[in-house]
């Protein structure tokens, strides 16, 4: 495993659309392992492959001591909404309020190509939405709730 550099806002790659993963092989596993190590080193809760310069639909997250890898994720259900602060390793130091669904269900593949489905609420749902947005070239700063205060 190795840490990789986190791409920062302003780099055009963050605005590109990631491509579906087709090969579930050692190259993917190395990418996922490197992403996990990079996320931990930078005290993040989630990381999308594009944030380390790889345009593949791959996400790693750790929420409440549960580690997730989502390959080719697709949000298939959303419920409710809530507004909370978010930050991003690619934006650095900025936290702003963003409206997200309270509950989401995501379908994806695991590192071996097997189908998985996860339903998450609250912070897990927020993280799933945040990271899947990265795969579409969307950053949380695009969704800031203007004028919102606690």
C-alpha atoms as a PDB file:
ATOM      1  CA  UNK A   1       0.000   0.000   0.000  1.00  0.00           C
ATOM      2  CA  UNK A   2       1.047   3.560  -0.623  1.00  0.00           C
ATOM      3  CA  UNK A   3      -0.407   6.954  -0.021  1.00  0.00           C
ATOM      4  CA  UNK A   4      -1.245   9.023  -3.052  1.00  0.00           C
ATOM      5  CA  UNK A   5      -1.527  12.765  -3.484  1.00  0.00           C
ATOM      6  CA  UNK A   6      -4.993  14.199  -3.006  1.00  0.00           C
ATOM      7  CA  UNK A   7      -6.028  16.351  -5.979  1.00  0.00           C
ATOM      8  CA  UNK A   8      -7.128  19.836  -4.909  1.00  0.00           C
ATOM      9  CA  UNK A   9      -9.942  22.056  -6.155  1.00  0.00           C
ATOM     10  CA  UNK A  10      -8.926  23.936  -9.286  1.00  0.00           C
ATOM     11  CA  UNK A  11      -7.510  20.816 -10.958  1.00  0.00           C
ATOM     12  CA  UNK A  12      -9.803  20.083 -13.915  1.00  0.00           C
ATOM     13  CA  UNK A  13      -9.783  16.309 -13.302  1.00  0.00           C
ATOM     14  CA  UNK A  14     -12.126  16.816 -10.324  1.00  0.00           C
ATOM     15  CA  UNK A  15     -14.804  18.045 -12.748  1.00  0.00           C
ATOM     16  CA  UNK A  16     -14.581  15.027 -15.071  1.00  0.00           C
ATOM     17  CA  UNK A  17     -16.980  12.084 -15.048  1.00  0.00           C
ATOM     18  CA  UNK A  18     -15.467   8.838 -13.810  1.00  0.00           C
ATOM     19  CA  UNK A  19     -15.761   5.687 -15.889  1.00  0.00           C
ATOM     20  CA  UNK A  20     -17.258   2.403 -14.673  1.00  0.00           C
ATOM     21  CA  UNK A  21     -14.817  -0.223 -13.428  1.00  0.00           C
ATOM     22  CA  UNK A  22     -14.720  -3.246 -15.713  1.00  0.00           C
ATOM     23  CA  UNK A  23     -11.763  -5.204 -14.350  1.00  0.00           C
ATOM     24  CA  UNK A  24     -11.923  -6.442 -10.771  1.00  0.00           C
ATOM     25  CA  UNK A  25      -8.288  -7.395 -10.517  1.00  0.00           C
ATOM     26  CA  UNK A  26      -5.043  -6.675  -8.686  1.00  0.00           C
ATOM     27  CA  UNK A  27      -4.845  -3.168 -10.180  1.00  0.00           C
ATOM     28  CA  UNK A  28      -8.220  -2.271  -8.667  1.00  0.00           C
ATOM     29  CA  UNK A  29      -7.294  -3.834  -5.327  1.00  0.00           C
ATOM     30  CA  UNK A  30      -4.062  -1.838  -5.220  1.00  0.00           C
ATOM     31  CA  UNK A  31      -5.986   1.355  -6.003  1.00  0.00           C
ATOM     32  CA  UNK A  32      -8.520   0.645  -3.241  1.00  0.00           C
ATOM     33  CA  UNK A  33      -5.778  -0.166  -0.723  1.00  0.00           C
ATOM     34  CA  UNK A  34      -3.894   3.024  -1.641  1.00  0.00           C
ATOM     35  CA  UNK A  35      -7.101   5.061  -1.391  1.00  0.00           C
ATOM     36  CA  UNK A  36      -7.799   3.656   2.066  1.00  0.00           C
ATOM     37  CA  UNK A  37      -4.309   4.503   3.272  1.00  0.00           C
ATOM     38  CA  UNK A  38      -4.540   7.989   1.711  1.00  0.00           C
ATOM     39  CA  UNK A  39      -7.921   8.601   3.360  1.00  0.00           C
ATOM     40  CA  UNK A  40      -6.559   7.591   6.775  1.00  0.00           C
ATOM     41  CA  UNK A  41      -3.372   9.626   6.398  1.00  0.00           C
ATOM     42  CA  UNK A  42      -5.447  12.718   5.611  1.00  0.00           C
ATOM     43  CA  UNK A  43      -8.039  12.112   8.367  1.00  0.00           C
ATOM     44  CA  UNK A  44     -10.859  11.727   5.867  1.00  0.00           C
ATOM     45  CA  UNK A  45     -14.131   9.829   6.146  1.00  0.00           C
ATOM     46  CA  UNK A  46     -14.324   9.042   2.436  1.00  0.00           C
ATOM     47  CA  UNK A  47     -12.360   9.269  -0.776  1.00  0.00           C
ATOM     48  CA  UNK A  48     -13.255   8.838  -4.445  1.00  0.00           C
ATOM     49  CA  UNK A  49     -10.714   7.564  -6.974  1.00  0.00           C
ATOM     50  CA  UNK A  50     -10.866  10.834  -8.918  1.00  0.00           C
ATOM     51  CA  UNK A  51      -9.478  12.578  -5.824  1.00  0.00           C
ATOM     52  CA  UNK A  52      -6.228  10.661  -6.342  1.00  0.00           C
ATOM     53  CA  UNK A  53      -6.260  11.300 -10.090  1.00  0.00           C
ATOM     54  CA  UNK A  54      -7.935   8.085 -11.272  1.00  0.00           C
ATOM     55  CA  UNK A  55     -11.146   8.437 -13.298  1.00  0.00           C
ATOM     56  CA  UNK A  56     -12.755   5.197 -12.118  1.00  0.00           C
ATOM     57  CA  UNK A  57     -16.015   4.761 -10.234  1.00  0.00           C
ATOM     58  CA  UNK A  58     -14.488   3.654  -6.946  1.00  0.00           C
ATOM     59  CA  UNK A  59     -15.106   4.951  -3.425  1.00  0.00           C
ATOM     60  CA  UNK A  60     -13.748   4.108   0.009  1.00  0.00           C
ATOM     61  CA  UNK A  61     -15.366   5.289   3.253  1.00  0.00           C
ATOM     62  CA  UNK A  62     -15.095   4.652   6.953  1.00  0.00           C
ATOM     63  CA  UNK A  63     -18.055   5.711   9.057  1.00  0.00           C
ATOM     64  CA  UNK A  64     -18.501   4.716  12.723  1.00  0.00           C
ATOM     65  CA  UNK A  65     -15.649   2.186  12.463  1.00  0.00           C
ATOM     66  CA  UNK A  66     -17.291   0.482   9.479  1.00  0.00           C
ATOM     67  CA  UNK A  67     -15.215   0.382   6.305  1.00  0.00           C
ATOM     68  CA  UNK A  68     -16.888   0.394   2.880  1.00  0.00           C
ATOM     69  CA  UNK A  69     -15.667  -0.020  -0.684  1.00  0.00           C
ATOM     70  CA  UNK A  70     -18.175   0.857  -3.387  1.00  0.00           C
ATOM     71  CA  UNK A  71     -17.387   0.165  -7.025  1.00  0.00           C
ATOM     72  CA  UNK A  72     -19.701   1.543  -9.730  1.00  0.00           C
ATOM     73  CA  UNK A  73     -22.116   2.872  -7.085  1.00  0.00           C
ATOM     74  CA  UNK A  74     -25.625   3.956  -7.990  1.00  0.00           C
ATOM     75  CA  UNK A  75     -28.012   5.577  -5.543  1.00  0.00           C
ATOM     76  CA  UNK A  76     -31.338   3.841  -6.126  1.00  0.00           C
ATOM     77  CA  UNK A  77     -33.462   5.331  -3.335  1.00  0.00           C
ATOM     78  CA  UNK A  78     -33.528   8.574  -1.331  1.00  0.00           C
ATOM     79  CA  UNK A  79     -35.717   9.622   1.568  1.00  0.00           C
ATOM     80  CA  UNK A  80     -36.095  12.811   3.568  1.00  0.00           C
ATOM     81  CA  UNK A  81     -33.603  15.615   3.752  1.00  0.00           C
ATOM     82  CA  UNK A  82     -31.309  17.311   6.199  1.00  0.00           C
ATOM     83  CA  UNK A  83     -28.846  20.163   6.126  1.00  0.00           C
ATOM     84  CA  UNK A  84     -25.454  19.721   7.789  1.00  0.00           C
ATOM     85  CA  UNK A  85     -21.861  20.873   7.448  1.00  0.00           C
ATOM     86  CA  UNK A  86     -19.524  19.099   5.056  1.00  0.00           C
ATOM     87  CA  UNK A  87     -15.877  19.314   4.220  1.00  0.00           C
ATOM     88  CA  UNK A  88     -13.701  17.660   1.594  1.00  0.00           C
ATOM     89  CA  UNK A  89     -10.085  16.553   1.351  1.00  0.00           C
ATOM     90  CA  UNK A  90      -9.941  18.126  -2.115  1.00  0.00           C
ATOM     91  CA  UNK A  91     -11.241  21.476  -0.884  1.00  0.00           C
ATOM     92  CA  UNK A  92      -9.325  21.666   2.394  1.00  0.00           C
ATOM     93  CA  UNK A  93     -10.209  23.647   5.481  1.00  0.00           C
ATOM     94  CA  UNK A  94     -13.664  24.698   4.254  1.00  0.00           C
ATOM     95  CA  UNK A  95     -16.847  23.456   5.906  1.00  0.00           C
ATOM     96  CA  UNK A  96     -20.231  24.616   4.702  1.00  0.00           C
ATOM     97  CA  UNK A  97     -23.877  23.577   4.975  1.00  0.00           C
ATOM     98  CA  UNK A  98     -25.216  21.247   2.290  1.00  0.00           C
ATOM     99  CA  UNK A  99     -28.693  19.720   1.863  1.00  0.00           C
ATOM    100  CA  UNK A 100     -28.640  15.952   1.372  1.00  0.00           C
ATOM    101  CA  UNK A 101     -31.130  13.095   1.687  1.00  0.00           C
ATOM    102  CA  UNK A 102     -31.500  11.735   5.229  1.00  0.00           C
ATOM    103  CA  UNK A 103     -31.555   8.136   3.987  1.00  0.00           C
ATOM    104  CA  UNK A 104     -30.169   6.555   0.816  1.00  0.00           C
ATOM    105  CA  UNK A 105     -29.838   3.104  -0.661  1.00  0.00           C
ATOM    106  CA  UNK A 106     -26.869   2.484  -2.927  1.00  0.00           C
ATOM    107  CA  UNK A 107     -26.167  -0.502  -5.163  1.00  0.00           C
ATOM    108  CA  UNK A 108     -22.586  -1.219  -6.073  1.00  0.00           C
ATOM    109  CA  UNK A 109     -20.006  -3.935  -6.517  1.00  0.00           C
ATOM    110  CA  UNK A 110     -17.361  -4.958  -4.027  1.00  0.00           C
ATOM    111  CA  UNK A 111     -13.678  -5.274  -4.926  1.00  0.00           C
ATOM    112  CA  UNK A 112     -14.298  -8.753  -6.343  1.00  0.00           C
ATOM    113  CA  UNK A 113     -17.231  -7.754  -8.555  1.00  0.00           C
ATOM    114  CA  UNK A 114     -20.020  -9.078  -6.329  1.00  0.00           C
ATOM    115  CA  UNK A 115     -23.234  -7.080  -5.994  1.00  0.00           C
ATOM    116  CA  UNK A 116     -23.834  -5.243  -2.722  1.00  0.00           C
ATOM    117  CA  UNK A 117     -26.561  -2.943  -1.471  1.00  0.00           C
ATOM    118  CA  UNK A 118     -26.249  -0.581   1.485  1.00  0.00           C
ATOM    119  CA  UNK A 119     -28.883   1.588   3.095  1.00  0.00           C
ATOM    120  CA  UNK A 120     -27.540   4.378   5.238  1.00  0.00           C
ATOM    121  CA  UNK A 121     -29.003   7.210   7.264  1.00  0.00           C
ATOM    122  CA  UNK A 122     -27.610  10.497   8.519  1.00  0.00           C
ATOM    123  CA  UNK A 123     -23.846  10.818   8.207  1.00  0.00           C
ATOM    124  CA  UNK A 124     -23.439   7.581   6.241  1.00  0.00           C
ATOM    125  CA  UNK A 125     -26.068   8.715   3.720  1.00  0.00           C
ATOM    126  CA  UNK A 126     -24.326  12.117   3.495  1.00  0.00           C
ATOM    127  CA  UNK A 127     -20.956  10.491   2.841  1.00  0.00           C
ATOM    128  CA  UNK A 128     -22.382   8.158   0.168  1.00  0.00           C
ATOM    129  CA  UNK A 129     -23.945  11.148  -1.621  1.00  0.00           C
ATOM    130  CA  UNK A 130     -20.796  13.283  -1.276  1.00  0.00           C
ATOM    131  CA  UNK A 131     -18.516  10.582  -2.693  1.00  0.00           C
ATOM    132  CA  UNK A 132     -20.862   9.537  -5.520  1.00  0.00           C
ATOM    133  CA  UNK A 133     -21.091  13.217  -6.499  1.00  0.00           C
ATOM    134  CA  UNK A 134     -17.300  13.194  -6.969  1.00  0.00           C
ATOM    135  CA  UNK A 135     -17.741  10.476  -9.601  1.00  0.00           C
ATOM    136  CA  UNK A 136     -19.960  12.886 -11.552  1.00  0.00           C
ATOM    137  CA  UNK A 137     -17.557  15.831 -11.286  1.00  0.00           C
ATOM    138  CA  UNK A 138     -19.625  17.530  -8.576  1.00  0.00           C
ATOM    139  CA  UNK A 139     -18.055  19.039  -5.455  1.00  0.00           C
ATOM    140  CA  UNK A 140     -19.870  19.849  -2.220  1.00  0.00           C
ATOM    141  CA  UNK A 141     -19.105  23.553  -2.752  1.00  0.00           C
ATOM    142  CA  UNK A 142     -21.488  23.394  -5.741  1.00  0.00           C
ATOM    143  CA  UNK A 143     -24.331  22.591  -3.336  1.00  0.00           C
ATOM    144  CA  UNK A 144     -23.766  25.022  -0.466  1.00  0.00           C
ATOM    145  CA  UNK A 145     -26.963  26.241   1.187  1.00  0.00           C
ATOM    146  CA  UNK A 146     -26.541  30.001   0.849  1.00  0.00           C
ATOM    147  CA  UNK A 147     -27.345  31.961   3.976  1.00  0.00           C
ATOM    148  CA  UNK A 148     -28.081  28.870   6.125  1.00  0.00           C
ATOM    149  CA  UNK A 149     -27.123  29.172   9.803  1.00  0.00           C
ATOM    150  CA  UNK A 150     -27.667  26.837  12.761  1.00  0.00           C
END
